[in-house]
C-alpha atoms as a PDB file:
ATOM      1  CA  UNK A   1     -56.844 -51.777 -17.166  1.00  0.00           C
ATOM      2  CA  UNK A   2     -55.438 -48.904 -19.162  1.00  0.00           C
ATOM      3  CA  UNK A   3     -55.262 -45.267 -18.116  1.00  0.00           C
ATOM      4  CA  UNK A   4     -58.972 -44.906 -18.871  1.00  0.00           C
ATOM      5  CA  UNK A   5     -59.992 -47.632 -16.440  1.00  0.00           C
ATOM      6  CA  UNK A   6     -60.418 -45.182 -13.585  1.00  0.00           C
ATOM      7  CA  UNK A   7     -63.528 -43.869 -15.289  1.00  0.00           C
ATOM      8  CA  UNK A   8     -65.201 -47.176 -16.088  1.00  0.00           C
ATOM      9  CA  UNK A   9     -66.113 -50.344 -14.240  1.00  0.00           C
ATOM     10  CA  UNK A  10     -63.734 -53.186 -13.427  1.00  0.00           C
ATOM     11  CA  UNK A  11     -65.886 -55.516 -15.492  1.00  0.00           C
ATOM     12  CA  UNK A  12     -65.456 -53.349 -18.572  1.00  0.00           C
ATOM     13  CA  UNK A  13     -61.701 -53.141 -18.002  1.00  0.00           C
ATOM     14  CA  UNK A  14     -61.325 -56.892 -17.663  1.00  0.00           C
ATOM     15  CA  UNK A  15     -63.470 -57.455 -20.730  1.00  0.00           C
ATOM     16  CA  UNK A  16     -61.308 -55.062 -22.735  1.00  0.00           C
ATOM     17  CA  UNK A  17     -58.169 -56.915 -21.672  1.00  0.00           C
ATOM     18  CA  UNK A  18     -59.548 -60.331 -22.596  1.00  0.00           C
ATOM     19  CA  UNK A  19     -60.695 -59.064 -26.005  1.00  0.00           C
ATOM     20  CA  UNK A  20     -57.375 -57.375 -26.739  1.00  0.00           C
ATOM     21  CA  UNK A  21     -55.321 -59.187 -29.432  1.00  0.00           C
ATOM     22  CA  UNK A  22     -52.266 -59.305 -27.142  1.00  0.00           C
ATOM     23  CA  UNK A  23     -54.194 -61.374 -24.606  1.00  0.00           C
ATOM     24  CA  UNK A  24     -54.656 -64.117 -27.217  1.00  0.00           C
ATOM     25  CA  UNK A  25     -51.008 -63.820 -28.280  1.00  0.00           C
ATOM     26  CA  UNK A  26     -49.898 -64.363 -24.693  1.00  0.00           C
ATOM     27  CA  UNK A  27     -52.169 -67.380 -24.322  1.00  0.00           C
ATOM     28  CA  UNK A  28     -50.743 -68.956 -27.494  1.00  0.00           C
ATOM     29  CA  UNK A  29     -47.127 -68.358 -26.478  1.00  0.00           C
ATOM     30  CA  UNK A  30     -47.652 -69.500 -22.915  1.00  0.00           C
ATOM     31  CA  UNK A  31     -49.458 -72.631 -24.112  1.00  0.00           C
ATOM     32  CA  UNK A  32     -46.140 -73.896 -25.456  1.00  0.00           C
ATOM     33  CA  UNK A  33     -44.653 -74.141 -21.961  1.00  0.00           C
ATOM     34  CA  UNK A  34     -47.860 -74.746 -19.985  1.00  0.00           C
ATOM     35  CA  UNK A  35     -47.573 -78.579 -20.138  1.00  0.00           C
ATOM     36  CA  UNK A  36     -44.188 -78.449 -18.411  1.00  0.00           C
ATOM     37  CA  UNK A  37     -45.527 -76.164 -15.705  1.00  0.00           C
ATOM     38  CA  UNK A  38     -48.592 -78.372 -15.324  1.00  0.00           C
ATOM     39  CA  UNK A  39     -46.347 -81.392 -14.726  1.00  0.00           C
ATOM     40  CA  UNK A  40     -44.511 -79.399 -12.084  1.00  0.00           C
ATOM     41  CA  UNK A  41     -47.812 -78.417 -10.481  1.00  0.00           C
ATOM     42  CA  UNK A  42     -48.992 -82.027 -10.529  1.00  0.00           C
ATOM     43  CA  UNK A  43     -45.949 -83.207  -8.604  1.00  0.00           C
ATOM     44  CA  UNK A  44     -46.206 -80.268  -6.196  1.00  0.00           C
ATOM     45  CA  UNK A  45     -49.753 -81.357  -5.374  1.00  0.00           C
ATOM     46  CA  UNK A  46     -48.563 -84.905  -4.803  1.00  0.00           C
ATOM     47  CA  UNK A  47     -45.663 -83.713  -2.634  1.00  0.00           C
ATOM     48  CA  UNK A  48     -47.950 -81.613  -0.434  1.00  0.00           C
ATOM     49  CA  UNK A  49     -50.137 -84.590   0.410  1.00  0.00           C
ATOM     50  CA  UNK A  50     -47.186 -86.945   0.844  1.00  0.00           C
ATOM     51  CA  UNK A  51     -45.550 -84.499   3.267  1.00  0.00           C
ATOM     52  CA  UNK A  52     -48.446 -85.033   5.673  1.00  0.00           C
ATOM     53  CA  UNK A  53     -50.680 -82.094   4.818  1.00  0.00           C
ATOM     54  CA  UNK A  54     -54.414 -82.693   4.743  1.00  0.00           C
ATOM     55  CA  UNK A  55     -56.322 -82.231   1.503  1.00  0.00           C
ATOM     56  CA  UNK A  56     -57.848 -78.998   2.818  1.00  0.00           C
ATOM     57  CA  UNK A  57     -54.434 -77.618   3.801  1.00  0.00           C
ATOM     58  CA  UNK A  58     -52.937 -78.609   0.456  1.00  0.00           C
ATOM     59  CA  UNK A  59     -55.766 -76.973  -1.503  1.00  0.00           C
ATOM     60  CA  UNK A  60     -55.497 -73.798   0.580  1.00  0.00           C
ATOM     61  CA  UNK A  61     -51.741 -73.677   0.042  1.00  0.00           C
ATOM     62  CA  UNK A  62     -51.900 -74.087  -3.713  1.00  0.00           C
ATOM     63  CA  UNK A  63     -54.612 -71.437  -4.084  1.00  0.00           C
ATOM     64  CA  UNK A  64     -53.177 -68.874  -1.672  1.00  0.00           C
ATOM     65  CA  UNK A  65     -49.430 -69.337  -1.978  1.00  0.00           C
ATOM     66  CA  UNK A  66     -49.185 -70.152  -5.706  1.00  0.00           C
ATOM     67  CA  UNK A  67     -45.393 -70.461  -5.691  1.00  0.00           C
ATOM     68  CA  UNK A  68     -44.073 -73.887  -6.542  1.00  0.00           C
ATOM     69  CA  UNK A  69     -40.462 -73.357  -5.450  1.00  0.00           C
ATOM     70  CA  UNK A  70     -41.334 -71.943  -2.043  1.00  0.00           C
ATOM     71  CA  UNK A  71     -44.041 -74.570  -1.550  1.00  0.00           C
ATOM     72  CA  UNK A  72     -41.539 -77.351  -2.174  1.00  0.00           C
ATOM     73  CA  UNK A  73     -39.014 -75.665   0.108  1.00  0.00           C
ATOM     74  CA  UNK A  74     -41.521 -75.126   2.906  1.00  0.00           C
ATOM     75  CA  UNK A  75     -43.141 -78.566   2.901  1.00  0.00           C
ATOM     76  CA  UNK A  76     -40.251 -80.505   4.491  1.00  0.00           C
ATOM     77  CA  UNK A  77     -40.021 -77.835   7.181  1.00  0.00           C
ATOM     78  CA  UNK A  78     -43.756 -78.038   7.838  1.00  0.00           C
ATOM     79  CA  UNK A  79     -43.525 -81.832   8.048  1.00  0.00           C
ATOM     80  CA  UNK A  80     -40.637 -81.525  10.507  1.00  0.00           C
ATOM     81  CA  UNK A  81     -42.629 -79.064  12.665  1.00  0.00           C
ATOM     82  CA  UNK A  82     -40.031 -76.331  12.169  1.00  0.00           C
ATOM     83  CA  UNK A  83     -40.682 -72.932  13.780  1.00  0.00           C
ATOM     84  CA  UNK A  84     -42.940 -70.652  11.774  1.00  0.00           C
ATOM     85  CA  UNK A  85     -40.202 -68.033  11.385  1.00  0.00           C
ATOM     86  CA  UNK A  86     -37.929 -70.614   9.762  1.00  0.00           C
ATOM     87  CA  UNK A  87     -40.637 -71.547   7.256  1.00  0.00           C
ATOM     88  CA  UNK A  88     -41.304 -67.888   6.502  1.00  0.00           C
ATOM     89  CA  UNK A  89     -37.600 -67.091   6.151  1.00  0.00           C
ATOM     90  CA  UNK A  90     -37.051 -70.006   3.782  1.00  0.00           C
ATOM     91  CA  UNK A  91     -39.985 -69.046   1.581  1.00  0.00           C
ATOM     92  CA  UNK A  92     -38.842 -65.438   1.628  1.00  0.00           C
ATOM     93  CA  UNK A  93     -35.346 -66.349   0.455  1.00  0.00           C
ATOM     94  CA  UNK A  94     -36.621 -68.637  -2.294  1.00  0.00           C
ATOM     95  CA  UNK A  95     -38.925 -65.925  -3.616  1.00  0.00           C
ATOM     96  CA  UNK A  96     -36.442 -63.057  -3.454  1.00  0.00           C
ATOM     97  CA  UNK A  97     -36.077 -63.237  -7.227  1.00  0.00           C
ATOM     98  CA  UNK A  98     -39.520 -61.691  -7.485  1.00  0.00           C
ATOM     99  CA  UNK A  99     -38.086 -58.509  -5.991  1.00  0.00           C
ATOM    100  CA  UNK A 100     -35.970 -58.259  -9.142  1.00  0.00           C
ATOM    101  CA  UNK A 101     -38.980 -59.061 -11.320  1.00  0.00           C
ATOM    102  CA  UNK A 102     -41.167 -56.453  -9.647  1.00  0.00           C
ATOM    103  CA  UNK A 103     -38.467 -53.784  -9.902  1.00  0.00           C
ATOM    104  CA  UNK A 104     -38.197 -54.456 -13.626  1.00  0.00           C
ATOM    105  CA  UNK A 105     -41.966 -54.540 -14.142  1.00  0.00           C
ATOM    106  CA  UNK A 106     -42.529 -51.309 -12.228  1.00  0.00           C
ATOM    107  CA  UNK A 107     -42.463 -49.214 -15.387  1.00  0.00           C
ATOM    108  CA  UNK A 108     -45.044 -51.471 -17.007  1.00  0.00           C
ATOM    109  CA  UNK A 109     -47.646 -51.439 -14.233  1.00  0.00           C
ATOM    110  CA  UNK A 110     -47.273 -48.308 -12.096  1.00  0.00           C
ATOM    111  CA  UNK A 111     -50.036 -46.524 -14.035  1.00  0.00           C
ATOM    112  CA  UNK A 112     -52.521 -49.111 -12.741  1.00  0.00           C
ATOM    113  CA  UNK A 113     -54.506 -48.788  -9.504  1.00  0.00           C
ATOM    114  CA  UNK A 114     -53.107 -50.682  -6.522  1.00  0.00           C
ATOM    115  CA  UNK A 115     -55.687 -53.549  -6.580  1.00  0.00           C
ATOM    116  CA  UNK A 116     -54.779 -54.255 -10.203  1.00  0.00           C
ATOM    117  CA  UNK A 117     -51.054 -54.228  -9.377  1.00  0.00           C
ATOM    118  CA  UNK A 118     -51.620 -56.640  -6.509  1.00  0.00           C
ATOM    119  CA  UNK A 119     -53.559 -59.003  -8.782  1.00  0.00           C
ATOM    120  CA  UNK A 120     -50.870 -58.878 -11.458  1.00  0.00           C
ATOM    121  CA  UNK A 121     -48.229 -59.494  -8.798  1.00  0.00           C
ATOM    122  CA  UNK A 122     -50.102 -62.580  -7.648  1.00  0.00           C
ATOM    123  CA  UNK A 123     -50.421 -63.924 -11.204  1.00  0.00           C
ATOM    124  CA  UNK A 124     -46.853 -63.177 -12.292  1.00  0.00           C
ATOM    125  CA  UNK A 125     -44.501 -66.145 -12.425  1.00  0.00           C
ATOM    126  CA  UNK A 126     -41.023 -66.717 -13.777  1.00  0.00           C
ATOM    127  CA  UNK A 127     -42.421 -67.914 -17.072  1.00  0.00           C
ATOM    128  CA  UNK A 128     -44.825 -65.132 -17.996  1.00  0.00           C
ATOM    129  CA  UNK A 129     -42.336 -62.534 -16.724  1.00  0.00           C
ATOM    130  CA  UNK A 130     -39.702 -63.835 -19.140  1.00  0.00           C
ATOM    131  CA  UNK A 131     -42.173 -63.995 -22.020  1.00  0.00           C
ATOM    132  CA  UNK A 132     -43.376 -60.480 -21.210  1.00  0.00           C
ATOM    133  CA  UNK A 133     -39.968 -58.814 -21.283  1.00  0.00           C
ATOM    134  CA  UNK A 134     -39.024 -60.745 -24.398  1.00  0.00           C
ATOM    135  CA  UNK A 135     -42.035 -59.406 -26.302  1.00  0.00           C
ATOM    136  CA  UNK A 136     -41.935 -55.918 -24.760  1.00  0.00           C
ATOM    137  CA  UNK A 137     -38.331 -55.031 -23.835  1.00  0.00           C
ATOM    138  CA  UNK A 138     -39.322 -51.487 -22.803  1.00  0.00           C
ATOM    139  CA  UNK A 139     -42.433 -50.087 -21.068  1.00  0.00           C
ATOM    140  CA  UNK A 140     -44.835 -48.221 -23.327  1.00  0.00           C
ATOM    141  CA  UNK A 141     -45.428 -44.529 -22.760  1.00  0.00           C
ATOM    142  CA  UNK A 142     -48.805 -44.187 -24.503  1.00  0.00           C
ATOM    143  CA  UNK A 143     -52.193 -45.526 -23.393  1.00  0.00           C
ATOM    144  CA  UNK A 144     -52.704 -48.030 -26.290  1.00  0.00           C
ATOM    145  CA  UNK A 145     -49.207 -49.429 -25.804  1.00  0.00           C
ATOM    146  CA  UNK A 146     -49.721 -49.784 -22.062  1.00  0.00           C
ATOM    147  CA  UNK A 147     -53.009 -51.572 -22.581  1.00  0.00           C
ATOM    148  CA  UNK A 148     -51.370 -53.975 -25.034  1.00  0.00           C
ATOM    149  CA  UNK A 149     -48.621 -54.789 -22.532  1.00  0.00           C
ATOM    150  CA  UNK A 150     -51.011 -55.327 -19.635  1.00  0.00           C
ATOM    151  CA  UNK A 151     -53.236 -57.491 -21.845  1.00  0.00           C
ATOM    152  CA  UNK A 152     -50.243 -59.655 -22.746  1.00  0.00           C
ATOM    153  CA  UNK A 153     -49.074 -59.913 -19.133  1.00  0.00           C
ATOM    154  CA  UNK A 154     -52.612 -60.792 -18.023  1.00  0.00           C
ATOM    155  CA  UNK A 155     -53.110 -63.418 -20.718  1.00  0.00           C
ATOM    156  CA  UNK A 156     -49.941 -65.277 -19.829  1.00  0.00           C
ATOM    157  CA  UNK A 157     -50.610 -64.957 -16.121  1.00  0.00           C
ATOM    158  CA  UNK A 158     -54.164 -66.291 -16.389  1.00  0.00           C
ATOM    159  CA  UNK A 159     -53.152 -69.339 -18.422  1.00  0.00           C
ATOM    160  CA  UNK A 160     -50.220 -70.051 -16.099  1.00  0.00           C
ATOM    161  CA  UNK A 161     -52.474 -69.791 -13.065  1.00  0.00           C
ATOM    162  CA  UNK A 162     -55.179 -72.018 -14.553  1.00  0.00           C
ATOM    163  CA  UNK A 163     -52.788 -74.737 -15.740  1.00  0.00           C
ATOM    164  CA  UNK A 164     -50.926 -74.750 -12.424  1.00  0.00           C
ATOM    165  CA  UNK A 165     -54.052 -74.856 -10.255  1.00  0.00           C
ATOM    166  CA  UNK A 166     -55.774 -77.569 -12.269  1.00  0.00           C
ATOM    167  CA  UNK A 167     -52.649 -79.738 -12.265  1.00  0.00           C
ATOM    168  CA  UNK A 168     -51.884 -79.100  -8.594  1.00  0.00           C
ATOM    169  CA  UNK A 169     -55.444 -79.902  -7.516  1.00  0.00           C
ATOM    170  CA  UNK A 170     -55.323 -83.033  -9.663  1.00  0.00           C
ATOM    171  CA  UNK A 171     -52.083 -84.038  -7.947  1.00  0.00           C
ATOM    172  CA  UNK A 172     -53.717 -83.553  -4.543  1.00  0.00           C
ATOM    173  CA  UNK A 173     -56.637 -85.741  -5.581  1.00  0.00           C
ATOM    174  CA  UNK A 174     -54.453 -88.472  -7.117  1.00  0.00           C
ATOM    175  CA  UNK A 175     -51.532 -88.318  -4.670  1.00  0.00           C
ATOM    176  CA  UNK A 176     -51.827 -91.939  -3.595  1.00  0.00           C
ATOM    177  CA  UNK A 177     -51.611 -93.184  -7.201  1.00  0.00           C
ATOM    178  CA  UNK A 178     -48.805 -90.917  -8.530  1.00  0.00           C
ATOM    179  CA  UNK A 179     -45.353 -91.855  -7.168  1.00  0.00           C
ATOM    180  CA  UNK A 180     -42.905 -88.955  -6.656  1.00  0.00           C
ATOM    181  CA  UNK A 181     -40.256 -91.137  -8.305  1.00  0.00           C
ATOM    182  CA  UNK A 182     -41.764 -90.243 -11.675  1.00  0.00           C
ATOM    183  CA  UNK A 183     -40.016 -86.875 -11.373  1.00  0.00           C
ATOM    184  CA  UNK A 184     -42.569 -85.056 -13.522  1.00  0.00           C
ATOM    185  CA  UNK A 185     -41.715 -81.789 -11.796  1.00  0.00           C
ATOM    186  CA  UNK A 186     -38.459 -81.663 -13.755  1.00  0.00           C
ATOM    187  CA  UNK A 187     -40.526 -80.947 -16.881  1.00  0.00           C
ATOM    188  CA  UNK A 188     -41.331 -77.515 -15.478  1.00  0.00           C
ATOM    189  CA  UNK A 189     -37.644 -76.814 -14.896  1.00  0.00           C
ATOM    190  CA  UNK A 190     -36.838 -77.835 -18.482  1.00  0.00           C
ATOM    191  CA  UNK A 191     -39.574 -75.538 -19.800  1.00  0.00           C
ATOM    192  CA  UNK A 192     -38.204 -72.632 -17.784  1.00  0.00           C
ATOM    193  CA  UNK A 193     -34.633 -73.307 -18.930  1.00  0.00           C
ATOM    194  CA  UNK A 194     -35.763 -73.340 -22.558  1.00  0.00           C
ATOM    195  CA  UNK A 195     -37.471 -69.964 -22.329  1.00  0.00           C
ATOM    196  CA  UNK A 196     -34.603 -68.433 -20.340  1.00  0.00           C
ATOM    197  CA  UNK A 197     -32.068 -69.598 -22.904  1.00  0.00           C
ATOM    198  CA  UNK A 198     -34.012 -67.778 -25.603  1.00  0.00           C
ATOM    199  CA  UNK A 199     -33.443 -64.582 -23.587  1.00  0.00           C
ATOM    200  CA  UNK A 200     -29.644 -64.929 -23.746  1.00  0.00           C
ATOM    201  CA  UNK A 201     -29.520 -62.655 -26.774  1.00  0.00           C
ATOM    202  CA  UNK A 202     -26.418 -60.641 -25.855  1.00  0.00           C
ATOM    203  CA  UNK A 203     -22.955 -61.302 -24.483  1.00  0.00           C
ATOM    204  CA  UNK A 204     -23.792 -59.571 -21.203  1.00  0.00           C
ATOM    205  CA  UNK A 205     -26.899 -61.698 -20.683  1.00  0.00           C
ATOM    206  CA  UNK A 206     -25.010 -64.896 -21.430  1.00  0.00           C
ATOM    207  CA  UNK A 207     -22.220 -63.972 -19.030  1.00  0.00           C
ATOM    208  CA  UNK A 208     -24.669 -63.043 -16.260  1.00  0.00           C
ATOM    209  CA  UNK A 209     -26.618 -66.282 -16.746  1.00  0.00           C
ATOM    210  CA  UNK A 210     -23.418 -68.294 -16.577  1.00  0.00           C
ATOM    211  CA  UNK A 211     -22.283 -66.451 -13.454  1.00  0.00           C
ATOM    212  CA  UNK A 212     -25.641 -67.045 -11.778  1.00  0.00           C
ATOM    213  CA  UNK A 213     -25.491 -70.747 -12.598  1.00  0.00           C
ATOM    214  CA  UNK A 214     -21.950 -71.140 -11.270  1.00  0.00           C
ATOM    215  CA  UNK A 215     -22.786 -69.198  -8.105  1.00  0.00           C
ATOM    216  CA  UNK A 216     -25.950 -71.228  -7.488  1.00  0.00           C
ATOM    217  CA  UNK A 217     -24.041 -74.508  -7.764  1.00  0.00           C
ATOM    218  CA  UNK A 218     -21.117 -73.272  -5.669  1.00  0.00           C
ATOM    219  CA  UNK A 219     -23.456 -72.114  -2.895  1.00  0.00           C
ATOM    220  CA  UNK A 220     -25.772 -75.123  -3.087  1.00  0.00           C
ATOM    221  CA  UNK A 221     -24.925 -76.225   0.458  1.00  0.00           C
ATOM    222  CA  UNK A 222     -26.313 -73.037   1.998  1.00  0.00           C
ATOM    223  CA  UNK A 223     -29.511 -73.543   4.030  1.00  0.00           C
ATOM    224  CA  UNK A 224     -32.975 -72.239   3.124  1.00  0.00           C
ATOM    225  CA  UNK A 225     -32.194 -72.114  -0.614  1.00  0.00           C
ATOM    226  CA  UNK A 226     -29.915 -69.129  -0.051  1.00  0.00           C
ATOM    227  CA  UNK A 227     -27.901 -70.232  -3.085  1.00  0.00           C
ATOM    228  CA  UNK A 228     -30.648 -68.604  -5.184  1.00  0.00           C
ATOM    229  CA  UNK A 229     -30.003 -65.288  -3.449  1.00  0.00           C
ATOM    230  CA  UNK A 230     -26.254 -65.697  -3.967  1.00  0.00           C
ATOM    231  CA  UNK A 231     -26.811 -66.424  -7.669  1.00  0.00           C
ATOM    232  CA  UNK A 232     -28.962 -63.312  -8.138  1.00  0.00           C
ATOM    233  CA  UNK A 233     -26.461 -61.136  -6.277  1.00  0.00           C
ATOM    234  CA  UNK A 234     -23.533 -62.504  -8.300  1.00  0.00           C
ATOM    235  CA  UNK A 235     -25.296 -61.923 -11.624  1.00  0.00           C
ATOM    236  CA  UNK A 236     -26.414 -58.384 -10.734  1.00  0.00           C
ATOM    237  CA  UNK A 237     -22.985 -57.414  -9.392  1.00  0.00           C
ATOM    238  CA  UNK A 238     -21.225 -58.758 -12.477  1.00  0.00           C
ATOM    239  CA  UNK A 239     -23.611 -56.929 -14.804  1.00  0.00           C
ATOM    240  CA  UNK A 240     -23.069 -53.660 -12.934  1.00  0.00           C
ATOM    241  CA  UNK A 241     -19.306 -54.086 -13.316  1.00  0.00           C
ATOM    242  CA  UNK A 242     -19.367 -55.030 -17.009  1.00  0.00           C
ATOM    243  CA  UNK A 243     -22.173 -52.871 -18.381  1.00  0.00           C
ATOM    244  CA  UNK A 244     -20.190 -49.594 -18.485  1.00  0.00           C
ATOM    245  CA  UNK A 245     -17.559 -51.300 -20.616  1.00  0.00           C
ATOM    246  CA  UNK A 246     -19.966 -53.142 -22.921  1.00  0.00           C
ATOM    247  CA  UNK A 247     -22.545 -50.395 -23.454  1.00  0.00           C
ATOM    248  CA  UNK A 248     -20.318 -48.175 -25.628  1.00  0.00           C
ATOM    249  CA  UNK A 249     -19.779 -51.077 -27.999  1.00  0.00           C
ATOM    250  CA  UNK A 250     -23.517 -51.215 -28.713  1.00  0.00           C
ATOM    251  CA  UNK A 251     -23.764 -47.579 -29.665  1.00  0.00           C
ATOM    252  CA  UNK A 252     -24.129 -46.976 -33.436  1.00  0.00           C
END
């Protein structure tokens, strides 16, 4: 899906991405954290069934929503027959972090046609976003560089999607035999923490991560997972205040 994709078929574009070396690199790097995400997906599938959803509803949710945090936040509300707007508002708040992700990824994907951007948006998760910006800190400006970045983003997204869906569907099928008390979903959180910690490569990033963590804990009592929004706002605001003072120190 490079700049030349407008002149060729979608099948050719997808084939070029899969054959690109960066696609395989992304698959290898994502494979290291895929087991943790799969465990999280397994427990999400179990939780959907245990919350009272039918197998058909649970399968539809995992395929269409594909957002573990918002699924887990919405399920108790669905089970309690909460108003639809409350369920939507909760899911919206939990997923607000993807607004930050999409703003950052804009420079990487805006050369693509809209259908391709929508597909990449659907496949993008916390994990492959973090891996993407770690490997490619800045968007490429030439066609080969752009194709390499999209191939990497696609490779990680495809493996994430496949591992999550397989595990979630398995959890739906085996819900009556897998007790939630096993707490396998915490493996996904540990995997995400490990990758995020590897991104704390500067003083500003470490300070912003610490501020986000403190804010999230301090605002934990807020409804609808709004503590996540508070954490993002606190980290962004702190970075905006500190960056003008830290940036000159990085100059050669």
